[in-house]
Structures are given as C-alpha cells and as structure tokens.
C-alpha atoms as a PDB file:
ATOM      1  CA  MET A   1      -0.043  -0.125   0.182  1.00  0.00           C
ATOM      2  CA  ARG A   2       2.784   2.301   0.565  1.00  0.00           C
ATOM      3  CA  GLU A   3       4.215   1.927  -2.967  1.00  0.00           C
ATOM      4  CA  TRP A   4       1.035   3.708  -4.411  1.00  0.00           C
ATOM      5  CA  ILE A   5       1.218   6.637  -2.456  1.00  0.00           C
ATOM      6  CA  PRO A   6       4.380   8.409  -3.894  1.00  0.00           C
ATOM      7  CA  SER A   7       3.055   7.631  -7.389  1.00  0.00           C
ATOM      8  CA  THR A   8      -0.380   9.160  -6.722  1.00  0.00           C
ATOM      9  CA  TRP A   9       1.429  12.351  -5.468  1.00  0.00           C
ATOM     10  CA  LEU A  10       3.199  12.573  -8.616  1.00  0.00           C
ATOM     11  CA  LEU A  11       0.183  12.127 -10.662  1.00  0.00           C
ATOM     12  CA  LEU A  12      -1.849  14.541  -8.638  1.00  0.00           C
ATOM     13  CA  GLY A  13       1.357  17.101  -8.975  1.00  0.00           C
ATOM     14  CA  ALA A  14       1.368  16.767 -12.787  1.00  0.00           C
ATOM     15  CA  ILE A  15      -2.355  17.325 -12.941  1.00  0.00           C
ATOM     16  CA  ALA A  16      -1.986  20.378 -10.613  1.00  0.00           C
ATOM     17  CA  LEU A  17       0.809  21.929 -12.724  1.00  0.00           C
ATOM     18  CA  PRO A  18      -0.277  24.655 -14.797  1.00  0.00           C
ATOM     19  CA  ALA A  19      -0.453  23.699 -18.217  1.00  0.00           C
ATOM     20  CA  PRO A  20       2.072  25.295 -20.741  1.00  0.00           C
ATOM     21  CA  ALA A  21       0.701  28.507 -22.526  1.00  0.00           C
ATOM     22  CA  LEU A  22      -0.347  27.958 -26.063  1.00  0.00           C
ATOM     23  CA  SER A  23       1.411  30.275 -28.514  1.00  0.00           C
ATOM     24  CA  ALA A  24      -0.599  31.790 -31.362  1.00  0.00           C
ATOM     25  CA  GLU A  25       0.363  31.229 -34.860  1.00  0.00           C
ATOM     26  CA  ILE A  26       1.366  34.837 -36.500  1.00  0.00           C
ATOM     27  CA  SER A  27       1.156  35.010 -40.323  1.00  0.00           C
ATOM     28  CA  ILE A  28       2.690  38.175 -41.901  1.00  0.00           C
ATOM     29  CA  SER A  29       1.752  38.696 -45.413  1.00  0.00           C
ATOM     30  CA  VAL A  30       3.721  41.375 -47.366  1.00  0.00           C
ATOM     31  CA  ASN A  31       2.581  42.397 -50.742  1.00  0.00           C
ATOM     32  CA  LYS A  32       5.270  44.250 -52.778  1.00  0.00           C
ATOM     33  CA  THR A  33       2.922  45.187 -55.654  1.00  0.00           C
ATOM     34  CA  THR A  34       0.201  47.025 -53.070  1.00  0.00           C
ATOM     35  CA  GLN A  35       3.119  48.010 -50.594  1.00  0.00           C
ATOM     36  CA  ARG A  36       0.947  46.410 -47.603  1.00  0.00           C
ATOM     37  CA  MET A  37       1.354  44.385 -44.898  1.00  0.00           C
ATOM     38  CA  THR A  38      -1.166  42.009 -43.157  1.00  0.00           C
ATOM     39  CA  VAL A  39      -0.897  40.467 -39.869  1.00  0.00           C
ATOM     40  CA  LEU A  40      -2.984  37.385 -38.905  1.00  0.00           C
ATOM     41  CA  VAL A  41      -3.009  35.993 -35.403  1.00  0.00           C
ATOM     42  CA  ASP A  42      -4.615  32.408 -35.466  1.00  0.00           C
ATOM     43  CA  GLY A  43      -6.063  33.123 -38.692  1.00  0.00           C
ATOM     44  CA  VAL A  44      -7.732  36.301 -37.923  1.00  0.00           C
ATOM     45  CA  GLU A  45      -6.619  39.629 -39.303  1.00  0.00           C
ATOM     46  CA  ARG A  46      -5.168  41.895 -36.380  1.00  0.00           C
ATOM     47  CA  TYR A  47      -3.436  44.810 -38.398  1.00  0.00           C
ATOM     48  CA  SER A  48      -2.978  46.017 -41.867  1.00  0.00           C
ATOM     49  CA  TRP A  49      -0.212  48.619 -42.591  1.00  0.00           C
ATOM     50  CA  PRO A  50       1.434  50.313 -45.449  1.00  0.00           C
ATOM     51  CA  VAL A  51       5.136  49.461 -45.838  1.00  0.00           C
ATOM     52  CA  SER A  52       8.063  50.375 -47.941  1.00  0.00           C
ATOM     53  CA  THR A  53       9.815  47.199 -49.785  1.00  0.00           C
ATOM     54  CA  GLY A  54      12.965  47.526 -51.702  1.00  0.00           C
ATOM     55  CA  THR A  55      13.407  49.579 -54.735  1.00  0.00           C
ATOM     56  CA  THR A  56      14.269  48.079 -58.301  1.00  0.00           C
ATOM     57  CA  ASP A  57      17.766  48.132 -57.777  1.00  0.00           C
ATOM     58  CA  TYR A  58      17.426  46.506 -54.133  1.00  0.00           C
ATOM     59  CA  SER A  59      14.736  44.085 -54.459  1.00  0.00           C
ATOM     60  CA  THR A  60      13.005  42.608 -51.316  1.00  0.00           C
ATOM     61  CA  PRO A  61      13.222  38.674 -51.766  1.00  0.00           C
ATOM     62  CA  THR A  62       9.749  36.964 -52.253  1.00  0.00           C
ATOM     63  CA  GLY A  63       8.985  33.611 -50.737  1.00  0.00           C
ATOM     64  CA  ALA A  64       7.893  32.129 -47.405  1.00  0.00           C
ATOM     65  CA  PHE A  65      10.369  32.599 -44.482  1.00  0.00           C
ATOM     66  CA  THR A  66      10.590  31.875 -40.943  1.00  0.00           C
ATOM     67  CA  PRO A  67      12.128  34.695 -38.825  1.00  0.00           C
ATOM     68  CA  SER A  68      15.733  33.977 -37.557  1.00  0.00           C
ATOM     69  CA  ARG A  69      16.082  36.652 -34.767  1.00  0.00           C
ATOM     70  CA  LEU A  70      15.027  39.658 -33.275  1.00  0.00           C
ATOM     71  CA  SER A  71      17.101  42.856 -32.682  1.00  0.00           C
ATOM     72  CA  ARG A  72      15.214  45.825 -30.659  1.00  0.00           C
ATOM     73  CA  GLU A  73      18.033  48.313 -31.570  1.00  0.00           C
ATOM     74  CA  HIS A  74      19.946  47.295 -34.676  1.00  0.00           C
ATOM     75  CA  PHE A  75      22.120  49.529 -36.834  1.00  0.00           C
ATOM     76  CA  SER A  76      22.903  48.526 -40.471  1.00  0.00           C
ATOM     77  CA  ARG A  77      26.553  48.125 -40.952  1.00  0.00           C
ATOM     78  CA  GLU A  78      26.029  47.825 -44.620  1.00  0.00           C
ATOM     79  CA  TRP A  79      24.267  51.283 -44.774  1.00  0.00           C
ATOM     80  CA  ASP A  80      26.108  54.002 -42.816  1.00  0.00           C
ATOM     81  CA  ASN A  81      24.838  52.829 -39.356  1.00  0.00           C
ATOM     82  CA  ALA A  82      21.223  53.507 -40.491  1.00  0.00           C
ATOM     83  CA  PRO A  83      18.969  52.826 -37.680  1.00  0.00           C
ATOM     84  CA  MET A  84      16.715  49.631 -38.013  1.00  0.00           C
ATOM     85  CA  PRO A  85      14.633  49.856 -34.862  1.00  0.00           C
ATOM     86  CA  HIS A  86      12.488  46.571 -33.707  1.00  0.00           C
ATOM     87  CA  SER A  87      14.059  44.313 -36.579  1.00  0.00           C
ATOM     88  CA  ILE A  88      12.842  40.865 -37.349  1.00  0.00           C
ATOM     89  CA  PHE A  89      15.231  39.261 -39.670  1.00  0.00           C
ATOM     90  CA  PHE A  90      14.169  36.895 -42.072  1.00  0.00           C
ATOM     91  CA  THR A  91      17.073  36.084 -44.546  1.00  0.00           C
ATOM     92  CA  ASP A  92      20.794  35.156 -44.193  1.00  0.00           C
ATOM     93  CA  ALA A  93      21.513  38.238 -46.271  1.00  0.00           C
ATOM     94  CA  GLY A  94      20.191  40.428 -43.531  1.00  0.00           C
ATOM     95  CA  HIS A  95      16.689  41.225 -44.922  1.00  0.00           C
ATOM     96  CA  ALA A  96      14.447  42.388 -42.009  1.00  0.00           C
ATOM     97  CA  ILE A  97      10.996  43.993 -41.283  1.00  0.00           C
ATOM     98  CA  HIS A  98      11.742  47.064 -39.097  1.00  0.00           C
ATOM     99  CA  GLY A  99      11.033  50.383 -38.233  1.00  0.00           C
ATOM    100  CA  SER A 100      11.997  53.573 -40.136  1.00  0.00           C
ATOM    101  CA  ARG A 101      11.509  57.161 -39.422  1.00  0.00           C
ATOM    102  CA  VAL A 102      11.095  57.881 -43.240  1.00  0.00           C
ATOM    103  CA  THR A 103       7.226  57.558 -42.984  1.00  0.00           C
ATOM    104  CA  GLY A 104       6.471  59.670 -45.773  1.00  0.00           C
ATOM    105  CA  ARG A 105       7.633  57.088 -48.304  1.00  0.00           C
ATOM    106  CA  LEU A 106       5.312  54.215 -46.694  1.00  0.00           C
ATOM    107  CA  GLY A 107       3.158  52.703 -49.239  1.00  0.00           C
ATOM    108  CA  SER A 108       5.929  52.965 -51.968  1.00  0.00           C
ATOM    109  CA  PRO A 109       9.266  51.246 -52.761  1.00  0.00           C
ATOM    110  CA  ALA A 110      12.167  52.896 -51.019  1.00  0.00           C
ATOM    111  CA  SER A 111      14.357  50.478 -48.924  1.00  0.00           C
ATOM    112  CA  HIS A 112      17.519  48.429 -49.929  1.00  0.00           C
ATOM    113  CA  GLY A 113      15.600  45.307 -49.799  1.00  0.00           C
ATOM    114  CA  CYS A 114      14.261  45.446 -46.101  1.00  0.00           C
ATOM    115  CA  ILE A 115      10.617  45.895 -45.354  1.00  0.00           C
ATOM    116  CA  ARG A 116      10.015  49.198 -43.549  1.00  0.00           C
ATOM    117  CA  LEU A 117       7.356  50.199 -41.185  1.00  0.00           C
ATOM    118  CA  SER A 118       6.427  53.089 -39.194  1.00  0.00           C
ATOM    119  CA  PRO A 119       8.161  52.905 -35.866  1.00  0.00           C
ATOM    120  CA  THR A 120       4.841  52.425 -33.709  1.00  0.00           C
ATOM    121  CA  ASN A 121       3.693  49.568 -35.902  1.00  0.00           C
ATOM    122  CA  ALA A 122       7.184  48.066 -35.849  1.00  0.00           C
ATOM    123  CA  ARG A 123       7.203  48.138 -32.204  1.00  0.00           C
ATOM    124  CA  ILE A 124       3.730  46.254 -32.223  1.00  0.00           C
ATOM    125  CA  LEU A 125       4.938  43.712 -34.620  1.00  0.00           C
ATOM    126  CA  PHE A 126       8.161  42.952 -32.597  1.00  0.00           C
ATOM    127  CA  ASN A 127       6.617  42.782 -29.117  1.00  0.00           C
ATOM    128  CA  LEU A 128       3.896  40.263 -31.083  1.00  0.00           C
ATOM    129  CA  VAL A 129       6.564  38.007 -32.503  1.00  0.00           C
ATOM    130  CA  GLN A 130       8.700  38.026 -29.304  1.00  0.00           C
ATOM    131  CA  ALA A 131       5.590  37.125 -27.293  1.00  0.00           C
ATOM    132  CA  GLU A 132       4.417  34.330 -29.464  1.00  0.00           C
ATOM    133  CA  SER A 133       8.111  33.144 -30.632  1.00  0.00           C
ATOM    134  CA  LEU A 134      10.019  33.011 -34.075  1.00  0.00           C
ATOM    135  CA  GLY A 135       9.143  29.576 -34.287  1.00  0.00           C
ATOM    136  CA  ASN A 136       5.233  30.381 -34.505  1.00  0.00           C
ATOM    137  CA  THR A 137       5.838  33.119 -37.064  1.00  0.00           C
ATOM    138  CA  ARG A 138       5.549  32.818 -40.609  1.00  0.00           C
ATOM    139  CA  ILE A 139       6.373  35.688 -43.116  1.00  0.00           C
ATOM    140  CA  GLU A 140       5.318  35.633 -46.967  1.00  0.00           C
ATOM    141  CA  VAL A 141       6.228  38.136 -49.286  1.00  0.00           C
ATOM    142  CA  THR A 142       4.588  38.193 -52.563  1.00  0.00           C
ATOM    143  CA  GLY A 143       4.068  40.526 -55.446  1.00  0.00           C
ATOM    144  CA  PHE A 144       6.077  42.491 -57.991  1.00  0.00           C
ATOM    145  CA  ASP A 145       8.579  45.247 -57.703  1.00  0.00           C
ATOM    146  CA  PRO A 146       6.804  48.200 -59.572  1.00  0.00           C
ATOM    147  CA  ILE A 147       8.907  49.418 -62.348  1.00  0.00           C
ATOM    148  CA  GLY A 148      10.763  52.612 -62.082  1.00  0.00           C
ATOM    149  CA  THR A 149      11.155  52.966 -58.415  1.00  0.00           C
ATOM    150  CA  ALA A 150      14.769  53.064 -58.074  1.00  0.00           C
ATOM    151  CA  PHE A 151      16.549  56.322 -56.953  1.00  0.00           C
ATOM    152  CA  GLY A 152      19.076  57.553 -59.211  1.00  0.00           C
ATOM    153  CA  SER A 153      20.664  60.115 -57.102  1.00  0.00           C
ATOM    154  CA  ALA A 154      22.145  60.072 -53.689  1.00  0.00           C
ATOM    155  CA  HIS A 155      19.381  61.976 -52.425  1.00  0.00           C
ATOM    156  CA  GLY A 156      16.620  60.087 -53.764  1.00  0.00           C
ATOM    157  CA  GLY A 157      15.450  62.773 -56.117  1.00  0.00           C
ATOM    158  CA  GLY A 158      14.268  60.183 -58.718  1.00  0.00           C
ATOM    159  CA  LEU A 159      15.857  58.403 -61.494  1.00  0.00           C
ATOM    160  CA  ASN A 160      18.631  59.828 -63.588  1.00  0.00           C
ATOM    161  CA  TYR A 161      18.047  59.652 -67.343  1.00  0.00           C
ATOM    162  CA  SER A 162      21.164  61.560 -68.549  1.00  0.00           C
ATOM    163  CA  ARG A 163      22.743  58.226 -69.898  1.00  0.00           C
ATOM    164  CA  LEU A 164      19.899  57.388 -72.091  1.00  0.00           C
ATOM    165  CA  ILE A 165      20.162  58.248 -75.801  1.00  0.00           C
ATOM    166  CA  SER A 166      17.741  58.410 -78.619  1.00  0.00           C
ATOM    167  CA  PHE A 167      17.888  54.964 -80.300  1.00  0.00           C
ATOM    168  CA  ASP A 168      16.767  53.817 -83.798  1.00  0.00           C
ATOM    169  CA  PRO A 169      16.720  49.955 -84.082  1.00  0.00           C
ATOM    170  CA  LEU A 170      16.807  50.376 -87.963  1.00  0.00           C
ATOM    171  CA  LYS A 171      20.016  52.518 -87.835  1.00  0.00           C
ATOM    172  CA  ASP A 172      21.901  51.722 -84.605  1.00  0.00           C
ATOM    173  CA  GLY A 173      20.414  48.047 -83.781  1.00  0.00           C
ATOM    174  CA  ILE A 174      20.465  44.655 -85.291  1.00  0.00           C
ATOM    175  CA  MET A 175      18.466  45.915 -88.174  1.00  0.00           C
ATOM    176  CA  ALA A 176      21.577  48.483 -89.148  1.00  0.00           C
ATOM    177  CA  GLY A 177      22.921  47.807 -92.628  1.00  0.00           C
ATOM    178  CA  SER A 178      20.027  45.808 -94.076  1.00  0.00           C
ATOM    179  CA  SER A 179      17.334  47.492 -96.703  1.00  0.00           C
ATOM    180  CA  PRO A 180      13.690  46.921 -96.575  1.00  0.00           C
ATOM    181  CA  THR A 181      13.984  45.324-100.109  1.00  0.00           C
ATOM    182  CA  GLN A 182      16.438  42.339 -98.996  1.00  0.00           C
END
C-alpha cells in the first residue's frame, strides 16, 4: 500500500501544474505590388499597414520565411549605421522587417531590400513576435517590384535618365545595314 502513495502524489502533482501556455500562430503577409502588410493571429486579421519594400535596384526577396532573430536596437553596418529599430530578420542576407523614420515613403518602394514600417507599427509587430516566438511566426512576401522605383541620385531625387540616348533600331541596332527590299 505504501508504494502507490508516492506515485499518486506524482500524478496529482502533474495534474495540478499549470499547462504550458499555447502560443498563437502569427502570419505576416507582405505584398510588394500593393506595398501593404497584413498580420494574422491564429487566422484572424489583426493589423494591416502600409510598408516600403525594396526599390528596383534592391529588390525585397519573395517567398515564405521563418524569422531567424530579433533585435530591438539594430544599426545597419552595410548602410552607414542606419537605424533599424525593432528588427525581425528573415533571410541569411540580412533582410528584415523594421521601423523607419522615413514614414513619408510608406506605401511605395523605398528601401535597400528590407521591409520598412512606421516606428509604432514596427514596435507592435516586434512585441507580438517576441511574445509568441520566432518559431510560431511565418512571413510571406509576394508581388512584383513596381517599374521605375529605383533612386537615381544620392538624395533620392528620382531616376537619372541622362545616360539614355535616342535609339533607332533600324539605324543603330541589329537591323542596321539591311534594306527593306532585301
């Protein structure tokens, strides 16, 4: 009779322990064509925000990703120590979802490949992913890079078309030298 008492206590102890909290599934969808992010928690839309993805010269990669790390205060070593607050890294090449003070460009491509959010929205998303875990978060980037979104000058003043010349394929291209009667 004595042997069942310790096992009974173990069983009762296991039942009395609080069950581990179940983490929510987070789905982050970014559409490069519409420049919009949608965040679903357990299949229910919770947020929809404008973003800035990469310009034509610095395309944001498309595909499905699981974030690899979080950094509350990150500075880009590649881009002049640019601040990247509340970064959620999702590629080995260093692409991240992060906050940006350049909020006037949200809703249009403007980054070097990262996904920019307003600082407030980046903090909300960062805290959500941190609370629910990287393993329960999926990021899907879809869509196309809009044509003509690259910056041509160092100040972001638009494209520089000065290198383009007038081109006539009949005079200068592969058709040069042939006559219409041949």
